[in-house]
């Protein structure tokens, strides 16, 4: 993943097709399919998992989750501090899977 000058992560290495992503939320684990044109949050909403979210532009951090495994690219990351990103947090409203083994945990 490459971070650009305005803190955007380039998604040029993203998988071109749908990707199954594991989501841990409310004490349960769900496997959802994330289409190439959607974020992890959009796919979770589509699958009626009822994830937390508000603004969907990466500012409020309501959709923050811990990346447990895999590679993710975020379109925007302004709502997260550098230390939160180093700890593994992502904004699911801005996150696209770059690998097939992605696991995110909303409960952490």
PDB file of N, CA and C in Angstrom:
ATOM      1  N   UNK A   1       0.849  -1.178   0.000  1.00  0.00           N
ATOM      2  CA  UNK A   1       0.000   0.000   0.000  1.00  0.00           C
ATOM      3  C   UNK A   1       0.889   1.233   0.000  1.00  0.00           C
ATOM      4  N   UNK A   2       0.508   2.181  -0.791  1.00  0.00           N
ATOM      5  CA  UNK A   2       1.255   3.423  -0.869  1.00  0.00           C
ATOM      6  C   UNK A   2       0.397   4.573  -0.392  1.00  0.00           C
ATOM      7  N   UNK A   3       0.937   5.373   0.514  1.00  0.00           N
ATOM      8  CA  UNK A   3       0.213   6.536   1.003  1.00  0.00           C
ATOM      9  C   UNK A   3       0.648   7.755   0.207  1.00  0.00           C
ATOM     10  N   UNK A   4      -0.319   8.513  -0.301  1.00  0.00           N
ATOM     11  CA  UNK A   4      -0.009   9.685  -1.101  1.00  0.00           C
ATOM     12  C   UNK A   4       0.148  10.898  -0.204  1.00  0.00           C
ATOM     13  N   UNK A   5       0.488  12.055  -0.806  1.00  0.00           N
ATOM     14  CA  UNK A   5       0.715  13.274  -0.033  1.00  0.00           C
ATOM     15  C   UNK A   5      -0.485  13.691   0.801  1.00  0.00           C
ATOM     16  N   UNK A   6      -1.700  13.475   0.315  1.00  0.00           N
ATOM     17  CA  UNK A   6      -2.885  13.892   1.075  1.00  0.00           C
ATOM     18  C   UNK A   6      -3.462  12.734   1.891  1.00  0.00           C
ATOM     19  N   UNK A   7      -2.598  11.790   2.262  1.00  0.00           N
ATOM     20  CA  UNK A   7      -2.933  10.684   3.155  1.00  0.00           C
ATOM     21  C   UNK A   7      -3.903   9.673   2.569  1.00  0.00           C
ATOM     22  N   UNK A   8      -4.120   9.678   1.272  1.00  0.00           N
ATOM     23  CA  UNK A   8      -4.957   8.671   0.654  1.00  0.00           C
ATOM     24  C   UNK A   8      -4.110   7.444   0.357  1.00  0.00           C
ATOM     25  N   UNK A   9      -4.718   6.296   0.425  1.00  0.00           N
ATOM     26  CA  UNK A   9      -4.034   5.058   0.114  1.00  0.00           C
ATOM     27  C   UNK A   9      -4.441   4.627  -1.289  1.00  0.00           C
ATOM     28  N   UNK A  10      -3.449   4.366  -2.125  1.00  0.00           N
ATOM     29  CA  UNK A  10      -3.741   3.965  -3.487  1.00  0.00           C
ATOM     30  C   UNK A  10      -4.275   2.542  -3.503  1.00  0.00           C
ATOM     31  N   UNK A  11      -5.296   2.306  -4.311  1.00  0.00           N
ATOM     32  CA  UNK A  11      -5.915   0.992  -4.388  1.00  0.00           C
ATOM     33  C   UNK A  11      -5.595   0.290  -5.700  1.00  0.00           C
ATOM     34  N   UNK A  12      -4.513   0.696  -6.369  1.00  0.00           N
ATOM     35  CA  UNK A  12      -4.187   0.110  -7.659  1.00  0.00           C
ATOM     36  C   UNK A  12      -3.863  -1.376  -7.567  1.00  0.00           C
ATOM     37  N   UNK A  13      -3.455  -1.863  -6.408  1.00  0.00           N
ATOM     38  CA  UNK A  13      -3.144  -3.278  -6.234  1.00  0.00           C
ATOM     39  C   UNK A  13      -4.330  -4.070  -5.692  1.00  0.00           C
ATOM     40  N   UNK A  14      -5.492  -3.452  -5.632  1.00  0.00           N
ATOM     41  CA  UNK A  14      -6.672  -4.110  -5.094  1.00  0.00           C
ATOM     42  C   UNK A  14      -7.076  -5.296  -5.967  1.00  0.00           C
ATOM     43  N   UNK A  15      -7.689  -6.266  -5.336  1.00  0.00           N
ATOM     44  CA  UNK A  15      -8.220  -7.417  -6.054  1.00  0.00           C
ATOM     45  C   UNK A  15      -9.329  -6.921  -6.962  1.00  0.00           C
ATOM     46  N   UNK A  16      -9.368  -7.411  -8.178  1.00  0.00           N
ATOM     47  CA  UNK A  16     -10.314  -6.871  -9.166  1.00  0.00           C
ATOM     48  C   UNK A  16     -11.726  -7.431  -9.034  1.00  0.00           C
ATOM     49  N   UNK A  17     -11.900  -8.529  -8.362  1.00  0.00           N
ATOM     50  CA  UNK A  17     -13.235  -9.121  -8.231  1.00  0.00           C
ATOM     51  C   UNK A  17     -13.755  -9.042  -6.812  1.00  0.00           C
ATOM     52  N   UNK A  18     -14.897  -9.659  -6.558  1.00  0.00           N
ATOM     53  CA  UNK A  18     -15.456  -9.685  -5.199  1.00  0.00           C
ATOM     54  C   UNK A  18     -14.507 -10.406  -4.227  1.00  0.00           C
ATOM     55  N   UNK A  19     -14.529  -9.957  -2.978  1.00  0.00           N
ATOM     56  CA  UNK A  19     -13.666 -10.530  -1.945  1.00  0.00           C
ATOM     57  C   UNK A  19     -14.515 -10.856  -0.725  1.00  0.00           C
ATOM     58  N   UNK A  20     -14.335 -12.049  -0.181  1.00  0.00           N
ATOM     59  CA  UNK A  20     -14.999 -12.402   1.069  1.00  0.00           C
ATOM     60  C   UNK A  20     -14.201 -11.823   2.225  1.00  0.00           C
ATOM     61  N   UNK A  21     -14.888 -11.122   3.117  1.00  0.00           N
ATOM     62  CA  UNK A  21     -14.286 -10.476   4.275  1.00  0.00           C
ATOM     63  C   UNK A  21     -15.007 -10.978   5.521  1.00  0.00           C
ATOM     64  N   UNK A  22     -14.245 -11.280   6.552  1.00  0.00           N
ATOM     65  CA  UNK A  22     -14.828 -11.705   7.821  1.00  0.00           C
ATOM     66  C   UNK A  22     -14.991 -10.484   8.715  1.00  0.00           C
ATOM     67  N   UNK A  23     -16.205 -10.327   9.244  1.00  0.00           N
ATOM     68  CA  UNK A  23     -16.507  -9.216  10.151  1.00  0.00           C
ATOM     69  C   UNK A  23     -16.928  -9.798  11.497  1.00  0.00           C
ATOM     70  N   UNK A  24     -16.304  -9.307  12.550  1.00  0.00           N
ATOM     71  CA  UNK A  24     -16.704  -9.664  13.913  1.00  0.00           C
ATOM     72  C   UNK A  24     -17.429  -8.457  14.495  1.00  0.00           C
ATOM     73  N   UNK A  25     -18.662  -8.686  14.904  1.00  0.00           N
ATOM     74  CA  UNK A  25     -19.466  -7.586  15.439  1.00  0.00           C
ATOM     75  C   UNK A  25     -20.557  -8.150  16.347  1.00  0.00           C
ATOM     76  N   UNK A  26     -20.806  -7.467  17.452  1.00  0.00           N
ATOM     77  CA  UNK A  26     -21.833  -7.865  18.415  1.00  0.00           C
ATOM     78  C   UNK A  26     -21.640  -9.309  18.880  1.00  0.00           C
ATOM     79  N   UNK A  27     -20.377  -9.734  19.004  1.00  0.00           N
ATOM     80  CA  UNK A  27     -20.079 -11.069  19.491  1.00  0.00           C
ATOM     81  C   UNK A  27     -20.276 -12.180  18.473  1.00  0.00           C
ATOM     82  N   UNK A  28     -20.540 -11.836  17.218  1.00  0.00           N
ATOM     83  CA  UNK A  28     -20.748 -12.841  16.172  1.00  0.00           C
ATOM     84  C   UNK A  28     -19.762 -12.598  15.040  1.00  0.00           C
ATOM     85  N   UNK A  29     -19.573 -13.626  14.238  1.00  0.00           N
ATOM     86  CA  UNK A  29     -18.687 -13.528  13.082  1.00  0.00           C
ATOM     87  C   UNK A  29     -19.502 -13.735  11.809  1.00  0.00           C
ATOM     88  N   UNK A  30     -19.305 -12.857  10.847  1.00  0.00           N
ATOM     89  CA  UNK A  30     -20.015 -12.917   9.570  1.00  0.00           C
ATOM     90  C   UNK A  30     -18.991 -12.902   8.440  1.00  0.00           C
ATOM     91  N   UNK A  31     -19.258 -13.673   7.407  1.00  0.00           N
ATOM     92  CA  UNK A  31     -18.455 -13.599   6.190  1.00  0.00           C
ATOM     93  C   UNK A  31     -19.323 -12.932   5.134  1.00  0.00           C
ATOM     94  N   UNK A  32     -18.841 -11.798   4.629  1.00  0.00           N
ATOM     95  CA  UNK A  32     -19.593 -11.042   3.630  1.00  0.00           C
ATOM     96  C   UNK A  32     -18.745 -10.904   2.370  1.00  0.00           C
ATOM     97  N   UNK A  33     -19.417 -10.697   1.263  1.00  0.00           N
ATOM     98  CA  UNK A  33     -18.718 -10.469   0.003  1.00  0.00           C
ATOM     99  C   UNK A  33     -18.694  -8.979  -0.277  1.00  0.00           C
ATOM    100  N   UNK A  34     -17.496  -8.441  -0.458  1.00  0.00           N
ATOM    101  CA  UNK A  34     -17.315  -7.030  -0.773  1.00  0.00           C
ATOM    102  C   UNK A  34     -17.044  -6.928  -2.269  1.00  0.00           C
ATOM    103  N   UNK A  35     -17.921  -6.223  -2.967  1.00  0.00           N
ATOM    104  CA  UNK A  35     -17.770  -6.024  -4.405  1.00  0.00           C
ATOM    105  C   UNK A  35     -16.671  -4.991  -4.666  1.00  0.00           C
ATOM    106  N   UNK A  36     -16.063  -5.006  -5.859  1.00  0.00           N
ATOM    107  CA  UNK A  36     -14.961  -4.080  -6.148  1.00  0.00           C
ATOM    108  C   UNK A  36     -15.313  -2.599  -5.995  1.00  0.00           C
ATOM    109  N   UNK A  37     -16.559  -2.240  -6.201  1.00  0.00           N
ATOM    110  CA  UNK A  37     -16.955  -0.823  -6.155  1.00  0.00           C
ATOM    111  C   UNK A  37     -17.537  -0.404  -4.812  1.00  0.00           C
ATOM    112  N   UNK A  38     -17.406  -1.222  -3.777  1.00  0.00           N
ATOM    113  CA  UNK A  38     -17.970  -0.859  -2.479  1.00  0.00           C
ATOM    114  C   UNK A  38     -16.952  -1.007  -1.366  1.00  0.00           C
ATOM    115  N   UNK A  39     -17.261  -0.340  -0.261  1.00  0.00           N
ATOM    116  CA  UNK A  39     -16.416  -0.432   0.926  1.00  0.00           C
ATOM    117  C   UNK A  39     -16.887  -1.591   1.788  1.00  0.00           C
ATOM    118  N   UNK A  40     -16.087  -1.917   2.791  1.00  0.00           N
ATOM    119  CA  UNK A  40     -16.482  -2.966   3.737  1.00  0.00           C
ATOM    120  C   UNK A  40     -17.774  -2.575   4.431  1.00  0.00           C
ATOM    121  N   UNK A  41     -17.903  -1.301   4.816  1.00  0.00           N
ATOM    122  CA  UNK A  41     -19.135  -0.841   5.464  1.00  0.00           C
ATOM    123  C   UNK A  41     -20.341  -1.004   4.543  1.00  0.00           C
ATOM    124  N   UNK A  42     -20.213  -0.601   3.287  1.00  0.00           N
ATOM    125  CA  UNK A  42     -21.333  -0.718   2.350  1.00  0.00           C
ATOM    126  C   UNK A  42     -21.780  -2.171   2.215  1.00  0.00           C
ATOM    127  N   UNK A  43     -20.831  -3.092   2.148  1.00  0.00           N
ATOM    128  CA  UNK A  43     -21.167  -4.510   2.033  1.00  0.00           C
ATOM    129  C   UNK A  43     -21.851  -5.015   3.301  1.00  0.00           C
ATOM    130  N   UNK A  44     -21.382  -4.568   4.467  1.00  0.00           N
ATOM    131  CA  UNK A  44     -22.006  -4.984   5.732  1.00  0.00           C
ATOM    132  C   UNK A  44     -23.441  -4.466   5.836  1.00  0.00           C
ATOM    133  N   UNK A  45     -23.669  -3.237   5.391  1.00  0.00           N
ATOM    134  CA  UNK A  45     -25.029  -2.682   5.388  1.00  0.00           C
ATOM    135  C   UNK A  45     -25.914  -3.488   4.437  1.00  0.00           C
ATOM    136  N   UNK A  46     -25.396  -3.770   3.250  1.00  0.00           N
ATOM    137  CA  UNK A  46     -26.144  -4.538   2.249  1.00  0.00           C
ATOM    138  C   UNK A  46     -26.533  -5.908   2.793  1.00  0.00           C
ATOM    139  N   UNK A  47     -25.670  -6.496   3.618  1.00  0.00           N
ATOM    140  CA  UNK A  47     -25.921  -7.824   4.193  1.00  0.00           C
ATOM    141  C   UNK A  47     -26.734  -7.756   5.487  1.00  0.00           C
ATOM    142  N   UNK A  48     -27.242  -6.568   5.845  1.00  0.00           N
ATOM    143  CA  UNK A  48     -28.094  -6.379   7.028  1.00  0.00           C
ATOM    144  C   UNK A  48     -27.429  -6.776   8.336  1.00  0.00           C
ATOM    145  N   UNK A  49     -26.129  -6.490   8.448  1.00  0.00           N
ATOM    146  CA  UNK A  49     -25.399  -6.802   9.673  1.00  0.00           C
ATOM    147  C   UNK A  49     -25.579  -5.698  10.714  1.00  0.00           C
ATOM    148  N   UNK A  50     -26.029  -4.541  10.316  1.00  0.00           N
ATOM    149  CA  UNK A  50     -26.272  -3.403  11.193  1.00  0.00           C
ATOM    150  C   UNK A  50     -24.994  -2.872  11.852  1.00  0.00           C
ATOM    151  N   UNK A  51     -23.973  -2.572  11.034  1.00  0.00           N
ATOM    152  CA  UNK A  51     -22.742  -2.023  11.599  1.00  0.00           C
ATOM    153  C   UNK A  51     -22.937  -0.577  12.040  1.00  0.00           C
ATOM    154  N   UNK A  52     -22.131  -0.105  12.984  1.00  0.00           N
ATOM    155  CA  UNK A  52     -22.221   1.294  13.394  1.00  0.00           C
ATOM    156  C   UNK A  52     -21.646   2.204  12.319  1.00  0.00           C
ATOM    157  N   UNK A  53     -22.349   3.281  12.024  1.00  0.00           N
ATOM    158  CA  UNK A  53     -21.842   4.274  11.077  1.00  0.00           C
ATOM    159  C   UNK A  53     -22.673   5.535  11.208  1.00  0.00           C
ATOM    160  N   UNK A  54     -22.140   6.630  10.687  1.00  0.00           N
ATOM    161  CA  UNK A  54     -22.865   7.903  10.678  1.00  0.00           C
ATOM    162  C   UNK A  54     -22.557   8.648   9.381  1.00  0.00           C
ATOM    163  N   UNK A  55     -21.408   9.278   9.298  1.00  0.00           N
ATOM    164  CA  UNK A  55     -21.140  10.215   8.196  1.00  0.00           C
ATOM    165  C   UNK A  55     -20.803   9.543   6.868  1.00  0.00           C
ATOM    166  N   UNK A  56     -20.152   8.408   6.879  1.00  0.00           N
ATOM    167  CA  UNK A  56     -19.684   7.680   5.702  1.00  0.00           C
ATOM    168  C   UNK A  56     -18.660   8.437   4.854  1.00  0.00           C
ATOM    169  N   UNK A  57     -18.025   9.467   5.410  1.00  0.00           N
ATOM    170  CA  UNK A  57     -16.979  10.185   4.679  1.00  0.00           C
ATOM    171  C   UNK A  57     -15.627  10.121   5.407  1.00  0.00           C
ATOM    172  N   UNK A  58     -15.544   9.318   6.450  1.00  0.00           N
ATOM    173  CA  UNK A  58     -14.277   9.145   7.149  1.00  0.00           C
ATOM    174  C   UNK A  58     -13.973  10.177   8.211  1.00  0.00           C
ATOM    175  N   UNK A  59     -14.966  10.940   8.642  1.00  0.00           N
ATOM    176  CA  UNK A  59     -14.723  12.005   9.604  1.00  0.00           C
ATOM    177  C   UNK A  59     -15.144  11.662  11.033  1.00  0.00           C
ATOM    178  N   UNK A  60     -16.204  10.913  11.202  1.00  0.00           N
ATOM    179  CA  UNK A  60     -16.774  10.732  12.543  1.00  0.00           C
ATOM    180  C   UNK A  60     -16.192   9.555  13.320  1.00  0.00           C
ATOM    181  N   UNK A  61     -15.612   8.589  12.657  1.00  0.00           N
ATOM    182  CA  UNK A  61     -15.009   7.393  13.264  1.00  0.00           C
ATOM    183  C   UNK A  61     -16.015   6.429  13.880  1.00  0.00           C
ATOM    184  N   UNK A  62     -17.287   6.612  13.628  1.00  0.00           N
ATOM    185  CA  UNK A  62     -18.293   5.700  14.168  1.00  0.00           C
ATOM    186  C   UNK A  62     -18.103   4.286  13.632  1.00  0.00           C
ATOM    187  N   UNK A  63     -17.618   4.151  12.408  1.00  0.00           N
ATOM    188  CA  UNK A  63     -17.452   2.849  11.761  1.00  0.00           C
ATOM    189  C   UNK A  63     -16.071   2.239  12.005  1.00  0.00           C
ATOM    190  N   UNK A  64     -15.327   2.770  12.943  1.00  0.00           N
ATOM    191  CA  UNK A  64     -13.962   2.301  13.215  1.00  0.00           C
ATOM    192  C   UNK A  64     -13.975   0.840  13.655  1.00  0.00           C
ATOM    193  N   UNK A  65     -13.044   0.073  13.113  1.00  0.00           N
ATOM    194  CA  UNK A  65     -12.884  -1.333  13.484  1.00  0.00           C
ATOM    195  C   UNK A  65     -11.400  -1.661  13.504  1.00  0.00           C
ATOM    196  N   UNK A  66     -11.064  -2.732  14.183  1.00  0.00           N
ATOM    197  CA  UNK A  66      -9.684  -3.198  14.244  1.00  0.00           C
ATOM    198  C   UNK A  66      -9.445  -4.187  13.109  1.00  0.00           C
ATOM    199  N   UNK A  67      -8.423  -3.923  12.315  1.00  0.00           N
ATOM    200  CA  UNK A  67      -8.029  -4.874  11.277  1.00  0.00           C
ATOM    201  C   UNK A  67      -7.218  -5.965  11.958  1.00  0.00           C
ATOM    202  N   UNK A  68      -7.730  -7.176  11.919  1.00  0.00           N
ATOM    203  CA  UNK A  68      -7.086  -8.314  12.563  1.00  0.00           C
ATOM    204  C   UNK A  68      -6.115  -8.997  11.605  1.00  0.00           C
ATOM    205  N   UNK A  69      -6.534  -9.062  10.343  1.00  0.00           N
ATOM    206  CA  UNK A  69      -5.723  -9.783   9.365  1.00  0.00           C
ATOM    207  C   UNK A  69      -5.993  -9.225   7.971  1.00  0.00           C
ATOM    208  N   UNK A  70      -5.034  -9.389   7.087  1.00  0.00           N
ATOM    209  CA  UNK A  70      -5.194  -9.011   5.690  1.00  0.00           C
ATOM    210  C   UNK A  70      -4.754  -7.595   5.401  1.00  0.00           C
ATOM    211  N   UNK A  71      -4.921  -7.225   4.140  1.00  0.00           N
ATOM    212  CA  UNK A  71      -4.519  -5.904   3.673  1.00  0.00           C
ATOM    213  C   UNK A  71      -5.751  -5.100   3.280  1.00  0.00           C
ATOM    214  N   UNK A  72      -5.779  -3.856   3.722  1.00  0.00           N
ATOM    215  CA  UNK A  72      -6.896  -2.947   3.464  1.00  0.00           C
ATOM    216  C   UNK A  72      -6.329  -1.623   2.994  1.00  0.00           C
ATOM    217  N   UNK A  73      -7.008  -0.995   2.041  1.00  0.00           N
ATOM    218  CA  UNK A  73      -6.671   0.366   1.625  1.00  0.00           C
ATOM    219  C   UNK A  73      -7.824   1.266   2.034  1.00  0.00           C
ATOM    220  N   UNK A  74      -7.490   2.426   2.605  1.00  0.00           N
ATOM    221  CA  UNK A  74      -8.506   3.409   2.968  1.00  0.00           C
ATOM    222  C   UNK A  74      -8.441   4.580   1.996  1.00  0.00           C
ATOM    223  N   UNK A  75      -9.603   5.002   1.508  1.00  0.00           N
ATOM    224  CA  UNK A  75      -9.663   6.177   0.639  1.00  0.00           C
ATOM    225  C   UNK A  75      -9.280   7.433   1.412  1.00  0.00           C
ATOM    226  N   UNK A  76      -9.816   7.576   2.605  1.00  0.00           N
ATOM    227  CA  UNK A  76      -9.524   8.708   3.503  1.00  0.00           C
ATOM    228  C   UNK A  76      -9.231   8.140   4.873  1.00  0.00           C
ATOM    229  N   UNK A  77      -8.407   8.815   5.634  1.00  0.00           N
ATOM    230  CA  UNK A  77      -8.095   8.344   6.986  1.00  0.00           C
ATOM    231  C   UNK A  77      -8.012   9.496   7.970  1.00  0.00           C
ATOM    232  N   UNK A  78      -8.541  10.642   7.590  1.00  0.00           N
ATOM    233  CA  UNK A  78      -8.430  11.850   8.411  1.00  0.00           C
ATOM    234  C   UNK A  78      -9.018  11.690   9.812  1.00  0.00           C
ATOM    235  N   UNK A  79     -10.022  10.852   9.975  1.00  0.00           N
ATOM    236  CA  UNK A  79     -10.642  10.687  11.280  1.00  0.00           C
ATOM    237  C   UNK A  79      -9.800   9.901  12.263  1.00  0.00           C
ATOM    238  N   UNK A  80      -8.781   9.212  11.782  1.00  0.00           N
ATOM    239  CA  UNK A  80      -7.929   8.404  12.644  1.00  0.00           C
ATOM    240  C   UNK A  80      -6.580   9.078  12.861  1.00  0.00           C
ATOM    241  N   UNK A  81      -6.081   8.943  14.070  1.00  0.00           N
ATOM    242  CA  UNK A  81      -4.734   9.444  14.355  1.00  0.00           C
ATOM    243  C   UNK A  81      -3.709   8.446  13.826  1.00  0.00           C
ATOM    244  N   UNK A  82      -2.479   8.896  13.701  1.00  0.00           N
ATOM    245  CA  UNK A  82      -1.409   8.000  13.272  1.00  0.00           C
ATOM    246  C   UNK A  82      -1.265   6.831  14.232  1.00  0.00           C
ATOM    247  N   UNK A  83      -1.419   7.082  15.528  1.00  0.00           N
ATOM    248  CA  UNK A  83      -1.270   6.001  16.508  1.00  0.00           C
ATOM    249  C   UNK A  83      -2.399   4.980  16.387  1.00  0.00           C
ATOM    250  N   UNK A  84      -3.612   5.430  16.070  1.00  0.00           N
ATOM    251  CA  UNK A  84      -4.724   4.483  15.873  1.00  0.00           C
ATOM    252  C   UNK A  84      -4.467   3.601  14.652  1.00  0.00           C
ATOM    253  N   UNK A  85      -3.951   4.189  13.600  1.00  0.00           N
ATOM    254  CA  UNK A  85      -3.635   3.414  12.399  1.00  0.00           C
ATOM    255  C   UNK A  85      -2.520   2.419  12.701  1.00  0.00           C
ATOM    256  N   UNK A  86      -1.511   2.849  13.449  1.00  0.00           N
ATOM    257  CA  UNK A  86      -0.425   1.942  13.838  1.00  0.00           C
ATOM    258  C   UNK A  86      -0.939   0.788  14.685  1.00  0.00           C
ATOM    259  N   UNK A  87      -1.966   1.042  15.499  1.00  0.00           N
ATOM    260  CA  UNK A  87      -2.564  -0.012  16.318  1.00  0.00           C
ATOM    261  C   UNK A  87      -3.383  -0.987  15.476  1.00  0.00           C
ATOM    262  N   UNK A  88      -3.762  -0.585  14.254  1.00  0.00           N
ATOM    263  CA  UNK A  88      -4.512  -1.474  13.371  1.00  0.00           C
ATOM    264  C   UNK A  88      -5.937  -1.050  13.088  1.00  0.00           C
ATOM    265  N   UNK A  89      -6.349   0.119  13.577  1.00  0.00           N
ATOM    266  CA  UNK A  89      -7.718   0.565  13.328  1.00  0.00           C
ATOM    267  C   UNK A  89      -7.899   1.053  11.897  1.00  0.00           C
ATOM    268  N   UNK A  90      -9.095   0.810  11.350  1.00  0.00           N
ATOM    269  CA  UNK A  90      -9.475   1.288  10.017  1.00  0.00           C
ATOM    270  C   UNK A  90     -10.868   1.896  10.102  1.00  0.00           C
ATOM    271  N   UNK A  91     -11.168   2.739   9.145  1.00  0.00           N
ATOM    272  CA  UNK A  91     -12.522   3.257   8.988  1.00  0.00           C
ATOM    273  C   UNK A  91     -13.182   2.405   7.910  1.00  0.00           C
ATOM    274  N   UNK A  92     -14.158   1.610   8.290  1.00  0.00           N
ATOM    275  CA  UNK A  92     -14.736   0.672   7.328  1.00  0.00           C
ATOM    276  C   UNK A  92     -15.505   1.371   6.212  1.00  0.00           C
ATOM    277  N   UNK A  93     -15.924   2.622   6.440  1.00  0.00           N
ATOM    278  CA  UNK A  93     -16.610   3.379   5.386  1.00  0.00           C
ATOM    279  C   UNK A  93     -15.659   3.803   4.281  1.00  0.00           C
ATOM    280  N   UNK A  94     -14.379   3.695   4.526  1.00  0.00           N
ATOM    281  CA  UNK A  94     -13.354   4.100   3.569  1.00  0.00           C
ATOM    282  C   UNK A  94     -12.463   2.939   3.159  1.00  0.00           C
ATOM    283  N   UNK A  95     -12.764   1.735   3.634  1.00  0.00           N
ATOM    284  CA  UNK A  95     -11.866   0.594   3.486  1.00  0.00           C
ATOM    285  C   UNK A  95     -12.259  -0.363   2.378  1.00  0.00           C
ATOM    286  N   UNK A  96     -11.235  -0.737   1.600  1.00  0.00           N
ATOM    287  CA  UNK A  96     -11.376  -1.697   0.507  1.00  0.00           C
ATOM    288  C   UNK A  96     -10.374  -2.829   0.752  1.00  0.00           C
ATOM    289  N   UNK A  97     -10.829  -4.085   0.665  1.00  0.00           N
ATOM    290  CA  UNK A  97      -9.889  -5.192   0.870  1.00  0.00           C
ATOM    291  C   UNK A  97      -8.902  -5.300  -0.284  1.00  0.00           C
ATOM    292  N   UNK A  98      -7.633  -5.513   0.052  1.00  0.00           N
ATOM    293  CA  UNK A  98      -6.585  -5.716  -0.949  1.00  0.00           C
ATOM    294  C   UNK A  98      -6.123  -7.166  -0.987  1.00  0.00           C
ATOM    295  N   UNK A  99      -6.622  -7.969  -0.065  1.00  0.00           N
ATOM    296  CA  UNK A  99      -6.253  -9.384  -0.022  1.00  0.00           C
ATOM    297  C   UNK A  99      -7.499 -10.200   0.309  1.00  0.00           C
ATOM    298  N   UNK A 100      -7.365 -11.496   0.189  1.00  0.00           N
ATOM    299  CA  UNK A 100      -8.527 -12.364   0.382  1.00  0.00           C
ATOM    300  C   UNK A 100      -8.678 -12.858   1.819  1.00  0.00           C
ATOM    301  N   UNK A 101      -7.825 -12.430   2.710  1.00  0.00           N
ATOM    302  CA  UNK A 101      -7.862 -12.933   4.084  1.00  0.00           C
ATOM    303  C   UNK A 101      -8.171 -11.822   5.093  1.00  0.00           C
ATOM    304  N   UNK A 102      -9.030 -10.881   4.729  1.00  0.00           N
ATOM    305  CA  UNK A 102      -9.296  -9.735   5.592  1.00  0.00           C
ATOM    306  C   UNK A 102     -10.276 -10.102   6.708  1.00  0.00           C
ATOM    307  N   UNK A 103      -9.897  -9.702   7.913  1.00  0.00           N
ATOM    308  CA  UNK A 103     -10.764  -9.847   9.094  1.00  0.00           C
ATOM    309  C   UNK A 103     -10.767  -8.502   9.799  1.00  0.00           C
ATOM    310  N   UNK A 104     -11.966  -7.946  10.050  1.00  0.00           N
ATOM    311  CA  UNK A 104     -12.094  -6.726  10.834  1.00  0.00           C
ATOM    312  C   UNK A 104     -13.015  -6.987  12.018  1.00  0.00           C
ATOM    313  N   UNK A 105     -12.709  -6.333  13.131  1.00  0.00           N
ATOM    314  CA  UNK A 105     -13.428  -6.559  14.378  1.00  0.00           C
ATOM    315  C   UNK A 105     -13.957  -5.234  14.904  1.00  0.00           C
ATOM    316  N   UNK A 106     -15.263  -5.060  14.876  1.00  0.00           N
ATOM    317  CA  UNK A 106     -15.906  -3.853  15.416  1.00  0.00           C
ATOM    318  C   UNK A 106     -15.959  -3.886  16.938  1.00  0.00           C
ATOM    319  N   UNK A 107     -15.833  -5.039  17.543  1.00  0.00           N
ATOM    320  CA  UNK A 107     -15.988  -5.175  18.987  1.00  0.00           C
ATOM    321  C   UNK A 107     -14.746  -4.772  19.772  1.00  0.00           C
ATOM    322  N   UNK A 108     -13.635  -4.517  19.105  1.00  0.00           N
ATOM    323  CA  UNK A 108     -12.404  -4.149  19.819  1.00  0.00           C
ATOM    324  C   UNK A 108     -12.270  -2.656  19.946  1.00  0.00           C
TER     325      UNK A 108
END
